[in-house]
Protein backbone atom coordinates (compact mmCIF):
# COMPACT_ATOMS: atom_id res chain seq x y z
CA MET A 1 -21.88 -6.03 15.38
CA SER A 2 -21.36 -3.25 17.89
CA GLU A 3 -23.77 -2.49 20.56
CA ALA A 4 -25.13 0.61 18.73
CA GLU A 5 -25.53 -1.01 15.46
CA GLU A 6 -29.11 -2.04 14.15
CA LYS A 7 -29.23 -2.13 10.52
CA LEU A 8 -26.32 -3.73 8.47
CA SER A 9 -24.74 -1.98 5.38
CA PRO A 10 -25.78 -3.51 2.17
CA VAL A 11 -22.22 -4.98 1.75
CA GLU A 12 -22.69 -6.91 4.81
CA GLY A 13 -25.67 -8.44 3.34
CA ILE A 14 -23.87 -9.32 0.03
CA LYS A 15 -21.19 -11.14 2.24
CA VAL A 16 -23.88 -12.98 4.24
CA GLU A 17 -25.48 -14.29 1.23
CA SER A 18 -22.17 -15.14 -0.69
CA ASN A 19 -21.51 -18.44 0.84
CA TYR A 20 -18.06 -17.62 1.77
CA LEU A 21 -17.17 -15.39 -1.08
CA ARG A 22 -18.74 -17.42 -3.94
CA GLY A 23 -21.69 -15.63 -4.72
CA ARG A 24 -22.39 -15.37 -8.60
CA ILE A 25 -18.93 -15.06 -9.56
CA ALA A 26 -18.74 -18.27 -11.45
CA GLU A 27 -21.90 -17.65 -13.50
CA GLU A 28 -20.98 -14.07 -14.16
CA LEU A 29 -17.44 -14.85 -15.52
CA MET A 30 -19.21 -16.91 -18.04
CA ASP A 31 -22.29 -14.79 -19.07
CA GLY A 32 -20.66 -12.71 -22.03
CA ASN A 33 -21.03 -9.48 -20.58
CA PRO A 34 -18.08 -7.03 -20.18
CA ASN A 35 -18.75 -6.22 -16.54
CA LEU A 36 -20.18 -7.77 -13.30
CA GLY A 37 -23.09 -7.40 -11.25
CA LYS A 38 -23.07 -4.92 -8.41
CA ASP A 39 -22.95 -7.70 -5.69
CA THR A 40 -20.27 -9.59 -7.64
CA ILE A 41 -18.08 -6.43 -7.86
CA GLN A 42 -17.93 -6.37 -3.98
CA LEU A 43 -17.03 -10.07 -3.78
CA ILE A 44 -14.53 -10.23 -6.41
CA LYS A 45 -12.36 -7.63 -4.37
CA PHE A 46 -11.66 -10.53 -1.88
CA HIS A 47 -10.22 -12.51 -4.68
CA GLY A 48 -7.87 -9.56 -5.42
CA SER A 49 -9.50 -7.70 -8.36
CA TYR A 50 -11.48 -4.22 -8.70
CA GLU A 51 -13.72 -3.55 -11.75
CA GLN A 52 -12.55 -0.23 -13.38
CA ASP A 53 -13.25 1.53 -16.70
CA ASP A 54 -11.28 3.92 -18.82
CA ARG A 55 -12.56 7.27 -17.82
CA ASP A 56 -10.64 8.87 -20.59
CA ARG A 57 -12.74 6.98 -23.18
CA ARG A 58 -16.17 7.20 -21.69
CA LYS A 59 -17.32 9.68 -24.23
CA GLU A 60 -16.05 7.41 -27.02
CA ALA A 61 -17.78 4.45 -25.31
CA LYS A 62 -21.07 6.08 -25.35
CA ALA A 63 -20.64 7.31 -29.03
CA ASN A 64 -19.69 3.71 -30.08
CA LYS A 65 -22.64 2.25 -28.00
CA VAL A 66 -20.44 -0.01 -26.11
CA PRO A 67 -22.34 -2.29 -23.87
CA GLY A 68 -22.80 -0.50 -20.41
CA GLY A 69 -21.54 2.73 -21.95
CA LYS A 70 -17.93 2.03 -20.67
CA TYR A 71 -14.94 0.19 -21.59
CA TYR A 72 -14.74 -2.07 -18.54
CA SER A 73 -11.45 -3.89 -17.49
CA TYR A 74 -10.17 -5.25 -14.31
CA MET A 75 -7.18 -4.51 -11.90
CA VAL A 76 -5.64 -7.64 -10.54
CA ARG A 77 -3.52 -7.08 -7.43
CA SER A 78 -1.10 -9.67 -5.87
CA ALA A 79 -0.48 -9.84 -2.33
CA ILE A 80 3.27 -10.39 -1.59
CA PRO A 81 4.29 -10.21 2.18
CA GLY A 82 7.25 -8.08 2.81
CA GLY A 83 7.42 -7.52 -1.11
CA ARG A 84 9.58 -10.58 -1.49
CA ILE A 85 9.50 -11.87 -5.08
CA SER A 86 11.64 -13.89 -7.32
CA SER A 87 12.77 -13.21 -10.99
CA GLU A 88 10.48 -16.06 -12.27
CA GLN A 89 7.46 -14.48 -10.44
CA LEU A 90 8.16 -11.06 -11.89
CA LEU A 91 8.74 -12.33 -15.38
CA ALA A 92 5.16 -13.92 -15.19
CA GLN A 93 3.58 -10.68 -14.26
CA LEU A 94 5.52 -8.87 -17.06
CA ASP A 95 4.39 -11.62 -19.34
CA LEU A 96 0.65 -10.97 -18.28
CA CYS A 97 0.68 -7.32 -18.54
CA ASP A 98 1.66 -7.66 -22.19
CA GLU A 99 -0.65 -10.56 -23.06
CA VAL A 100 -3.69 -9.62 -21.17
CA GLY A 101 -3.24 -6.21 -19.53
CA ASN A 102 -2.59 -2.73 -20.60
CA SER A 103 1.28 -3.41 -21.00
CA THR A 104 2.31 -1.92 -17.84
CA LEU A 105 2.64 -3.20 -14.37
CA ARG A 106 2.59 -1.21 -11.12
CA VAL A 107 4.46 -1.63 -7.72
CA THR A 108 2.00 -0.56 -5.06
CA THR A 109 2.59 1.51 -1.94
CA ARG A 110 2.03 -1.78 -0.02
CA GLN A 111 4.63 -3.93 -1.63
CA GLY A 112 2.45 -5.70 -3.93
CA LEU A 113 2.08 -5.75 -7.92
CA GLN A 114 -0.87 -4.43 -9.85
CA LEU A 115 -2.12 -5.48 -13.37
CA HIS A 116 -4.43 -2.97 -15.14
CA GLY A 117 -6.68 -3.26 -18.08
CA VAL A 118 -7.62 -7.11 -17.75
CA LEU A 119 -10.77 -7.90 -19.46
CA LYS A 120 -13.19 -10.10 -17.63
CA GLY A 121 -12.80 -13.05 -19.89
CA ASN A 122 -9.12 -13.03 -19.00
CA LEU A 123 -9.41 -12.97 -15.33
CA LYS A 124 -9.11 -16.68 -14.60
CA LYS A 125 -6.22 -17.05 -16.76
CA VAL A 126 -4.40 -14.23 -14.83
CA ILE A 127 -5.16 -15.50 -11.49
CA ARG A 128 -4.28 -18.89 -12.33
CA ARG A 129 -0.98 -17.84 -13.91
CA ILE A 130 -0.13 -15.85 -10.71
CA ASN A 131 -0.68 -18.75 -8.54
CA GLU A 132 1.28 -21.12 -10.82
CA VAL A 133 4.46 -18.95 -9.89
CA GLN A 134 3.54 -19.28 -6.07
CA LEU A 135 1.98 -15.96 -5.63
CA THR A 136 -1.66 -15.11 -4.90
CA THR A 137 -4.25 -12.43 -5.21
CA ILE A 138 -6.51 -13.60 -2.42
CA ALA A 139 -6.70 -10.85 0.38
CA ALA A 140 -5.05 -8.35 -1.70
CA CYS A 141 -8.44 -6.33 -1.54
CA GLY A 142 -11.68 -6.66 0.46
CA ASP A 143 -12.74 -6.68 3.88
CA VAL A 144 -9.94 -8.83 5.28
CA ARG A 145 -6.11 -8.55 6.07
CA ARG A 146 -4.49 -6.74 3.32
CA ASN A 147 -0.79 -7.52 2.21
CA VAL A 148 1.46 -7.60 5.13
CA MET A 149 4.25 -5.06 4.96
CA CYS A 150 7.65 -5.20 6.21
CA SER A 151 10.87 -3.31 6.14
CA PRO A 152 12.29 -4.60 2.83
CA ALA A 153 16.15 -4.40 3.42
CA PRO A 154 17.66 -7.83 2.39
CA PHE A 155 20.53 -7.73 4.78
CA LYS A 156 22.03 -11.42 5.31
CA ASN A 157 23.61 -12.74 8.41
CA ASN A 158 21.43 -10.18 10.27
CA ARG A 159 19.11 -11.84 12.88
CA VAL A 160 17.01 -8.75 13.24
CA TYR A 161 15.91 -8.42 9.69
CA ASP A 162 15.39 -12.26 9.41
CA GLN A 163 13.09 -12.18 12.28
CA LEU A 164 11.08 -9.19 10.69
CA GLN A 165 10.84 -11.14 7.49
CA ALA A 166 9.86 -14.27 9.02
CA ILE A 167 7.16 -12.79 11.36
CA SER A 168 5.64 -10.88 8.30
CA ASP A 169 5.21 -14.34 6.44
CA ARG A 170 3.89 -15.94 9.55
CA ILE A 171 1.36 -13.19 9.95
CA ALA A 172 0.31 -13.40 6.39
CA ASP A 173 0.12 -17.29 6.64
CA GLU A 174 -2.14 -17.28 9.76
CA THR A 175 -4.53 -14.62 8.91
CA MET A 176 -5.33 -15.65 5.37
CA PRO A 177 -8.76 -16.32 4.42
CA ARG A 178 -9.51 -20.06 4.33
CA THR A 179 -12.62 -20.32 2.11
CA PRO A 180 -12.20 -23.01 -0.51
CA ALA A 181 -14.05 -20.52 -2.83
CA TYR A 182 -10.83 -19.10 -4.27
CA HIS A 183 -9.49 -22.39 -5.21
CA GLU A 184 -12.85 -23.58 -6.75
CA LEU A 185 -13.15 -20.34 -8.94
CA TRP A 186 -9.62 -19.78 -10.08
CA LEU A 187 -7.46 -23.00 -9.47
CA THR A 188 -9.53 -25.88 -10.52
CA ASP A 189 -9.21 -27.48 -13.89
CA ASP A 190 -12.25 -28.72 -15.70
CA ALA A 191 -11.81 -32.08 -13.82
CA GLY A 192 -11.96 -30.18 -10.75
CA GLU A 193 -8.50 -31.80 -9.41
CA LYS A 194 -5.79 -29.24 -9.83
CA THR A 195 -4.65 -27.43 -6.80
CA LEU A 196 -2.29 -24.48 -6.79
CA ALA A 197 -0.58 -22.07 -4.45
CA GLY A 198 -3.65 -19.91 -3.52
CA GLY A 199 -6.16 -22.73 -2.96
CA GLY A 200 -6.73 -25.32 -0.34
CA ALA A 201 -9.04 -28.22 0.51
CA PRO A 202 -12.25 -27.28 2.26
CA GLN A 203 -11.97 -26.69 5.97
CA GLU A 204 -14.30 -28.36 8.42
CA GLU A 205 -14.78 -24.92 9.98
CA VAL A 206 -14.56 -22.63 6.94
CA GLU A 207 -13.26 -19.44 8.33
CA PRO A 208 -12.10 -19.81 12.07
CA LEU A 209 -10.61 -16.34 12.24
CA TYR A 210 -13.05 -14.30 9.95
CA GLY A 211 -16.42 -16.05 10.19
CA PRO A 212 -18.94 -15.84 7.44
CA THR A 213 -19.01 -12.03 7.12
CA TYR A 214 -15.23 -11.40 7.30
CA LEU A 215 -14.22 -8.10 8.84
CA PRO A 216 -16.25 -4.93 8.78
CA ARG A 217 -13.72 -3.13 6.40
CA LYS A 218 -10.22 -3.62 5.11
CA PHE A 219 -7.42 -4.35 7.68
CA LYS A 220 -3.78 -3.40 7.20
CA MET A 221 -0.73 -4.58 8.93
CA GLY A 222 3.04 -3.81 8.92
CA VAL A 223 6.28 -4.85 10.54
CA ALA A 224 9.09 -2.49 11.01
CA LEU A 225 11.98 -1.10 13.37
CA PRO A 226 12.03 2.22 15.45
CA GLY A 227 15.20 2.99 13.20
CA ASP A 228 13.56 1.75 10.00
CA ASN A 229 9.92 2.72 9.81
CA SER A 230 9.64 2.15 5.90
CA ALA A 231 6.77 -0.01 6.53
CA ASP A 232 4.85 2.94 7.84
CA VAL A 233 3.27 1.32 10.69
CA TYR A 234 1.53 4.32 12.10
CA SER A 235 -0.74 4.12 9.01
CA GLN A 236 -1.85 0.57 9.73
CA ASP A 237 -4.62 -0.87 11.70
CA ILE A 238 -1.84 -2.92 13.48
CA GLY A 239 1.83 -1.97 13.35
CA LEU A 240 4.64 -3.94 14.91
CA LEU A 241 7.91 -2.15 15.98
CA GLY A 242 10.69 -4.65 16.93
CA ILE A 243 12.30 -4.24 20.24
CA VAL A 244 16.05 -5.33 19.88
CA GLU A 245 18.10 -6.77 22.70
CA GLY A 246 21.33 -8.51 22.20
CA GLY A 247 21.13 -8.44 18.43
CA GLU A 248 17.70 -10.04 18.13
CA VAL A 249 14.06 -8.96 18.24
CA VAL A 250 12.66 -9.98 21.73
CA GLY A 251 9.24 -8.58 21.17
CA TYR A 252 7.24 -5.85 19.54
CA ASN A 253 5.60 -2.64 20.66
CA PHE A 254 2.06 -2.75 19.09
CA VAL A 255 0.49 0.22 17.79
CA VAL A 256 -3.07 0.08 16.57
CA GLY A 257 -5.70 2.15 14.84
CA GLY A 258 -4.03 3.93 12.03
CA GLY A 259 -6.00 4.51 8.88
CA PHE A 260 -6.14 7.31 6.26
CA GLY A 261 -9.31 7.05 4.36
CA VAL A 262 -11.37 10.20 4.64
CA THR A 263 -14.74 11.46 3.38
CA PRO A 264 -14.46 15.23 3.31
CA SER A 265 -18.10 15.89 3.29
CA ALA A 266 -18.63 13.73 6.47
CA SER A 267 -17.06 15.22 9.43
CA LYS A 268 -17.34 11.76 11.34
CA THR A 269 -14.54 10.63 9.28
CA PHE A 270 -10.92 11.35 9.72
CA ALA A 271 -7.28 10.14 9.28
CA ARG A 272 -5.60 8.81 12.30
CA VAL A 273 -2.13 7.57 13.11
CA ALA A 274 -1.82 4.50 15.30
CA SER A 275 -1.71 4.68 19.18
CA PRO A 276 0.11 2.40 21.50
CA LEU A 277 -1.39 -0.94 22.61
CA GLY A 278 1.45 -2.30 24.46
CA TYR A 279 4.60 -4.51 24.28
CA VAL A 280 4.25 -8.13 23.18
CA PRO A 281 6.95 -10.72 23.38
CA ALA A 282 7.96 -12.28 20.08
CA ASP A 283 6.20 -15.75 20.87
CA LYS A 284 2.77 -14.04 21.49
CA VAL A 285 2.52 -11.88 18.52
CA LEU A 286 0.38 -14.10 16.53
CA ASP A 287 -2.11 -14.50 19.36
CA VAL A 288 -2.38 -10.76 19.98
CA ILE A 289 -2.89 -10.23 16.33
CA LYS A 290 -5.77 -12.56 16.28
CA ALA A 291 -7.35 -11.13 19.30
CA VAL A 292 -7.36 -7.41 17.94
CA MET A 293 -8.76 -8.78 14.66
CA LYS A 294 -11.60 -10.57 16.48
CA VAL A 295 -12.52 -7.51 18.41
CA GLN A 296 -12.70 -5.57 15.20
CA ARG A 297 -14.66 -8.38 13.74
CA ASP A 298 -17.18 -8.54 16.63
CA PHE A 299 -17.38 -4.74 17.46
CA GLY A 300 -16.37 -2.86 14.33
CA ASN A 301 -19.24 -0.84 12.69
CA ARG A 302 -21.13 -2.83 10.25
CA SER A 303 -23.83 -0.36 9.39
CA ASP A 304 -21.73 2.58 8.18
CA ARG A 305 -18.78 1.64 5.90
CA LYS A 306 -17.52 5.28 6.19
CA ARG A 307 -16.91 4.37 9.96
CA ALA A 308 -16.12 0.82 9.81
CA ARG A 309 -12.27 0.75 10.10
CA MET A 310 -10.72 -0.09 13.43
CA LYS A 311 -9.65 3.44 13.96
CA TYR A 312 -13.19 4.68 14.73
CA LEU A 313 -13.87 1.75 17.09
CA ILE A 314 -10.49 2.86 19.10
CA HIS A 315 -11.75 6.52 18.96
CA ASP A 316 -15.16 5.70 20.10
CA TRP A 317 -14.23 3.43 22.98
CA GLY A 318 -11.02 4.96 23.96
CA ALA A 319 -7.69 3.17 23.98
CA GLU A 320 -8.01 1.81 27.43
CA LYS A 321 -11.50 0.09 26.90
CA PHE A 322 -10.18 -1.33 23.59
CA LYS A 323 -7.13 -2.71 25.24
CA GLN A 324 -9.18 -4.33 28.05
CA LYS A 325 -11.48 -6.06 25.29
CA VAL A 326 -8.27 -7.34 23.47
CA GLU A 327 -6.94 -8.86 26.77
CA GLU A 328 -10.41 -10.44 27.32
CA TYR A 329 -10.22 -12.20 24.17
CA LEU A 330 -6.43 -12.97 24.54
CA GLY A 331 -7.16 -14.26 28.00
CA GLU A 332 -4.20 -12.34 29.48
CA GLY A 333 -2.83 -8.95 30.06
CA ILE A 334 -0.67 -6.80 27.70
CA GLU A 335 2.35 -5.15 29.00
CA ASP A 336 2.85 -1.31 28.65
CA SER A 337 4.95 -0.41 25.67
CA ARG A 338 8.70 -0.40 25.84
CA PRO A 339 10.57 2.89 25.69
CA MET A 340 11.56 3.67 21.94
CA ASN A 341 11.91 6.60 19.51
CA VAL A 342 11.00 6.17 15.96
CA ASN A 343 13.96 7.81 14.14
CA GLY A 344 14.57 6.41 10.69
CA HIS A 345 13.27 5.27 7.34
CA ASP A 346 15.40 3.13 5.05
CA ASP A 347 14.09 3.20 1.46
CA CYS A 348 17.03 0.79 0.38
CA ILE A 349 17.69 3.00 -2.51
CA GLY A 350 21.08 2.66 -4.18
CA TRP A 351 23.99 0.20 -3.68
CA HIS A 352 24.38 -1.54 -0.31
CA GLU A 353 26.61 -4.08 1.01
CA GLN A 354 24.35 -7.27 1.98
CA GLY A 355 26.41 -8.86 4.76
CA ASP A 356 27.33 -11.89 2.93
CA GLY A 357 29.98 -10.72 0.39
CA GLN A 358 27.23 -9.68 -1.92
CA TRP A 359 25.40 -6.39 -2.72
CA PHE A 360 21.80 -5.28 -3.22
CA TYR A 361 20.76 -2.31 -5.42
CA GLY A 362 17.51 -0.44 -4.67
CA LEU A 363 16.00 1.11 -7.92
CA ASN A 364 13.93 4.11 -7.65
CA ILE A 365 10.67 3.63 -9.92
CA GLU A 366 8.87 6.88 -10.21
CA ASN A 367 5.28 6.29 -8.97
CA GLY A 368 5.82 2.50 -9.19
CA ARG A 369 5.02 2.24 -13.07
CA ILE A 370 6.89 -0.42 -14.85
CA LYS A 371 6.66 0.30 -18.57
CA ASP A 372 8.29 0.75 -21.96
CA GLU A 373 7.66 4.26 -23.29
CA GLY A 374 10.02 5.94 -25.83
CA ASP A 375 13.49 5.78 -24.69
CA PHE A 376 12.43 4.61 -21.34
CA ARG A 377 12.28 0.95 -21.35
CA LEU A 378 12.13 -0.28 -17.84
CA LYS A 379 9.96 -3.31 -18.48
CA THR A 380 12.41 -4.58 -21.17
CA ALA A 381 15.38 -3.86 -18.75
CA LEU A 382 13.67 -5.85 -16.01
CA ARG A 383 13.11 -8.91 -18.52
CA GLU A 384 16.89 -8.77 -19.17
CA VAL A 385 17.94 -8.67 -15.55
CA CYS A 386 15.51 -11.42 -14.62
CA THR A 387 16.58 -13.76 -17.21
CA SER A 388 20.42 -13.16 -17.15
CA LEU A 389 21.00 -12.41 -13.62
CA ALA A 390 17.80 -13.84 -12.09
CA PRO A 391 18.21 -12.15 -8.55
CA PRO A 392 15.62 -12.45 -5.87
CA MET A 393 13.98 -9.00 -5.30
CA ARG A 394 11.82 -6.94 -2.67
CA LEU A 395 9.31 -4.48 -3.72
CA THR A 396 9.45 -1.43 -1.28
CA PRO A 397 6.89 0.48 0.37
CA HIS A 398 7.80 3.56 -1.59
CA GLN A 399 7.27 1.76 -4.69
CA GLY A 400 11.06 0.87 -5.51
CA LEU A 401 12.57 -2.38 -6.49
CA VAL A 402 15.49 -3.91 -4.58
CA PHE A 403 17.64 -6.39 -6.57
CA CYS A 404 19.28 -8.93 -4.09
CA ASP A 405 22.34 -11.15 -4.09
CA ILE A 406 24.16 -9.23 -6.64
CA LYS A 407 27.88 -10.31 -7.00
CA ALA A 408 30.51 -7.82 -6.91
CA GLU A 409 31.52 -8.62 -10.40
CA ASP A 410 27.83 -8.31 -11.75
CA LYS A 411 27.34 -4.84 -10.33
CA GLU A 412 28.60 -3.09 -13.65
CA ARG A 413 26.46 -5.70 -15.61
CA LEU A 414 23.27 -4.54 -13.83
CA LYS A 415 24.14 -0.93 -14.19
CA SER A 416 24.62 -1.41 -17.82
CA ILE A 417 21.44 -3.21 -18.46
CA LEU A 418 19.56 -0.40 -16.90
CA THR A 419 21.32 2.48 -18.62
CA SER A 420 21.31 0.78 -21.83
CA HIS A 421 17.62 0.89 -21.76
CA GLY A 422 17.20 4.46 -20.67
CA VAL A 423 16.45 3.60 -17.10
CA PRO A 424 17.87 6.36 -14.78
CA LEU A 425 19.93 5.08 -12.00
CA SER A 426 18.63 5.83 -8.63
CA GLU A 427 21.68 8.18 -7.75
CA GLN A 428 20.30 10.32 -10.82
CA PHE A 429 17.19 11.11 -8.98
CA SER A 430 16.84 14.30 -7.18
CA THR A 431 16.29 13.95 -3.40
CA VAL A 432 12.62 15.31 -3.59
CA ARG A 433 11.84 13.12 -6.41
CA ARG A 434 13.11 10.06 -4.74
CA TRP A 435 10.90 10.50 -1.76
CA SER A 436 7.74 11.29 -3.73
CA MET A 437 4.92 8.94 -4.64
CA ALA A 438 1.54 9.12 -6.13
CA CYS A 439 -1.53 6.72 -6.44
CA PRO A 440 -2.62 5.68 -10.03
CA ALA A 441 -5.98 7.87 -9.96
CA LEU A 442 -7.09 8.81 -13.41
CA PRO A 443 -7.94 7.19 -15.83
CA LEU A 444 -8.85 3.85 -14.28
CA CYS A 445 -9.61 4.47 -10.59
CA GLY A 446 -13.21 5.13 -10.19
CA LEU A 447 -12.82 7.14 -7.01
CA ALA A 448 -10.36 9.77 -8.50
CA VAL A 449 -11.38 13.28 -8.84
CA THR A 450 -8.00 14.61 -9.75
CA GLU A 451 -4.85 13.43 -11.55
CA SER A 452 -2.09 12.10 -9.46
CA GLU A 453 0.37 9.60 -11.00
CA ARG A 454 0.32 11.41 -14.36
CA ILE A 455 0.90 14.77 -13.03
CA LEU A 456 3.29 14.44 -10.05
CA PRO A 457 6.34 13.95 -12.28
CA THR A 458 5.64 17.32 -14.10
CA MET A 459 5.08 18.83 -10.57
CA MET A 460 8.32 17.34 -9.55
CA ASP A 461 10.15 19.11 -12.44
CA ALA A 462 8.95 22.40 -11.13
CA LEU A 463 9.61 21.64 -7.43
CA GLU A 464 13.20 20.56 -8.39
CA LYS A 465 13.95 23.90 -9.93
CA GLU A 466 12.36 25.85 -7.03
CA LEU A 467 14.75 23.85 -4.54
CA ASP A 468 17.76 24.28 -6.43
CA SER A 469 17.16 28.04 -6.74
CA LEU A 470 16.83 28.19 -2.89
CA GLY A 471 19.93 25.89 -2.23
CA LEU A 472 17.57 23.22 -0.86
CA GLY A 473 18.01 20.63 -3.54
CA GLY A 474 19.53 18.11 -0.81
CA GLU A 475 16.74 18.39 1.61
CA ARG A 476 14.81 14.96 2.34
CA PHE A 477 11.31 15.35 2.89
CA THR A 478 8.27 13.23 1.57
CA THR A 479 5.83 14.44 -1.07
CA ARG A 480 2.78 12.23 -1.55
CA MET A 481 -0.24 12.95 -3.98
CA THR A 482 -3.55 11.11 -4.24
CA GLY A 483 -6.44 11.68 -6.63
CA CYS A 484 -8.94 11.46 -3.92
CA PRO A 485 -9.27 11.70 -0.09
CA ASN A 486 -8.95 7.87 0.44
CA GLY A 487 -5.04 8.24 0.80
CA CYS A 488 -3.77 5.17 -0.80
CA ALA A 489 -0.29 6.87 -1.28
CA ARG A 490 -0.40 7.85 2.40
CA PRO A 491 -0.45 11.63 2.06
CA TYR A 492 -1.69 12.36 5.64
CA ASN A 493 1.65 11.63 7.47
CA SER A 494 3.98 13.04 4.81
CA ASP A 495 5.87 16.33 5.03
CA VAL A 496 3.95 17.49 2.07
CA GLY A 497 0.57 15.94 1.24
CA LEU A 498 -1.56 16.60 -1.81
CA VAL A 499 -4.88 15.25 -1.98
CA GLY A 500 -7.52 15.69 -4.82
CA LYS A 501 -10.37 17.83 -3.70
CA THR A 502 -12.22 18.65 -6.99
CA LYS A 503 -11.21 18.78 -10.74
CA GLY A 504 -7.79 20.20 -10.94
CA LYS A 505 -7.58 21.18 -7.35
CA TYR A 506 -5.99 19.93 -4.29
CA THR A 507 -5.95 20.12 -0.50
CA LEU A 508 -2.19 21.03 0.55
CA PHE A 509 -1.20 19.35 3.57
CA LEU A 510 2.11 20.19 5.73
CA GLY A 511 3.79 19.14 8.80
CA GLY A 512 4.11 15.36 8.85
CA ARG A 513 7.53 13.75 8.52
CA VAL A 514 9.53 11.14 6.87
CA GLU A 515 9.35 8.68 9.90
CA GLY A 516 5.35 8.65 9.56
CA ASP A 517 4.36 8.91 13.22
CA ARG A 518 2.77 12.22 12.96
CA LEU A 519 -0.44 13.48 11.03
CA ASN A 520 0.19 16.50 8.79
CA TRP A 521 -2.59 19.35 8.76
CA ILE A 522 -4.34 21.50 5.95
CA TYR A 523 -2.32 24.35 5.08
CA LYS A 524 -4.41 25.47 2.20
CA ASP A 525 -7.46 23.92 0.43
CA LEU A 526 -8.48 24.11 -3.37
CA VAL A 527 -4.95 24.77 -4.64
CA PRO A 528 -5.09 24.78 -8.43
CA GLU A 529 -2.66 22.06 -9.73
CA ASP A 530 -0.56 24.71 -11.61
CA GLU A 531 -0.30 26.79 -8.23
CA VAL A 532 0.99 24.09 -6.10
CA VAL A 533 4.66 24.85 -6.44
CA ALA A 534 4.02 28.47 -6.26
CA THR A 535 2.06 28.00 -2.99
CA LEU A 536 4.92 25.99 -1.51
CA SER A 537 7.61 28.33 -2.52
CA PRO A 538 7.30 31.01 0.24
CA VAL A 539 7.09 28.23 2.63
CA LEU A 540 10.18 26.73 1.60
CA LYS A 541 11.88 30.13 1.89
CA HIS A 542 10.51 30.69 5.29
CA PHE A 543 11.94 27.30 6.27
CA LYS A 544 15.41 28.15 4.84
CA GLU A 545 15.56 31.45 6.73
CA GLY A 546 14.00 30.15 9.97
CA ARG A 547 14.86 26.58 10.48
CA HIS A 548 17.00 25.25 13.48
CA GLU A 549 20.16 23.52 12.56
CA GLY A 550 19.50 20.05 11.14
CA GLU A 551 15.65 20.59 11.30
CA ALA A 552 13.50 18.83 8.68
CA PHE A 553 10.86 20.63 6.58
CA GLY A 554 7.93 18.79 8.10
CA ASP A 555 9.32 19.43 11.62
CA TYR A 556 9.69 23.05 10.91
CA CYS A 557 6.25 23.34 9.46
CA ASP A 558 4.79 21.51 12.62
CA ARG A 559 6.76 23.82 14.98
CA ILE A 560 5.76 27.07 13.35
CA GLY A 561 2.14 25.99 12.87
CA ARG A 562 -0.42 26.90 10.12
CA ASP A 563 -1.40 30.28 11.35
CA ALA A 564 2.26 31.83 11.66
CA LEU A 565 3.04 30.18 8.25
CA LEU A 566 -0.08 31.72 6.47
CA ALA A 567 0.82 35.19 8.14
CA ALA A 568 4.39 34.96 7.18
CA CYS A 569 3.99 33.63 3.61
CA ASP A 570 0.89 35.32 2.59
CA ALA A 571 2.23 38.65 3.58
């Protein structure tokens, strides 16, 4: 608890009373109701699930006098460090989405997988099956360390990328919640004997890192390189940027305090990109991460969840005080950051030589949705790839899927499987669509105030035409849309950000950039969905006429500034 706090938020009380995340979950799973109690809704997040309902069908539910007045279901999220997944694991998730989900699977913006539409009575089956294939759902949600992101490029015989991937796994392992409640609830058979991947025997000290109340709020981490910030580390609570000398990572520049959730009605909330903490040698990374997490655990705001993220602690204390406290917990000093320049983002899309005589192929999946719909049969195509070629894979932070270890003689086979199922190849996507992404929003997210995933493809159709007419079809810039201000698709550091404000209207942000180390700013508010492209059009024309050679769209907007752009484009 911080010095200024007196009254804990209700969620803190729920955690205190939960007995390390047990609460009444076991009883409520068996009570025959379609939904959970308000306390259990909070606790089940730590186990990797959110309660949702189909907002498109609320009137129908009331008319049919459905219990609770809603068609309840659950989202189940798998935490997959660095997005590394096997064909067997993906097949298991595809099976589950057909057997007990809404027949679709979703690649998340944090390199995980989400199942939607799971009924309460099927939750244990789903979580057990995910663990049986050596994945887990624990800490995919809740006030803990979320899925650890990592630059996904699967280069072989490359010491640098090997080190990035190894440290992301170690971070995930060492910051995993230790409570035996996960094992007891989801992974133990009727005899109480069967232990699976996500569980573990009770510890003498149950949660040595988290304690009985865990963290004040969610906590995000990512690992990247200055030349490949695909893990978007400036959006994270802790970001690691590898410092390379002699062909290997000797240490990391830590950045801390990123976070994008905002409540527009509360001026005390804001988006923030992470700021420098210092340079940490490779062998000290875990020690510093734990020290930072403990500072947030002990001093983060536990009375106001709107200001519970670590970004507010750093903002209120100042960077120097925060660093001093981390050093106190660490027991030694932290060096100043090494000189570096963030200058790239590798989305891994398309064909690439892997470095060992084999290839990898990055498939662009629009907004991460894996489904069969009409002639587009991505889900069926992935089943065939996973059964006939069985490649290891990586999920990307831009919601793509990388097929690894493809032999040269199998390249055409992979291409044929995709195209024969109506799946467009990555090279068929326009540049603007390739660099776009959206959160799920309606109909299942309870926080959404506008459409996102369902409307962005149509908006991209119109934007593609506009860019082509201006001769800007090859311009690379990020467009990210969310159905509410919480920012799950990271709209606040993109070149173009679209954030749902009220029904059918968005706040339009400009001035971020692909590299992700700068916030954008509000260009116009309350833009109707059918006017977004028309609002962007004069800005794009202005960019074409006034850009410096090689200047990116977001850099141009940031250089010109909001007032000058409005004056020029509204004339």
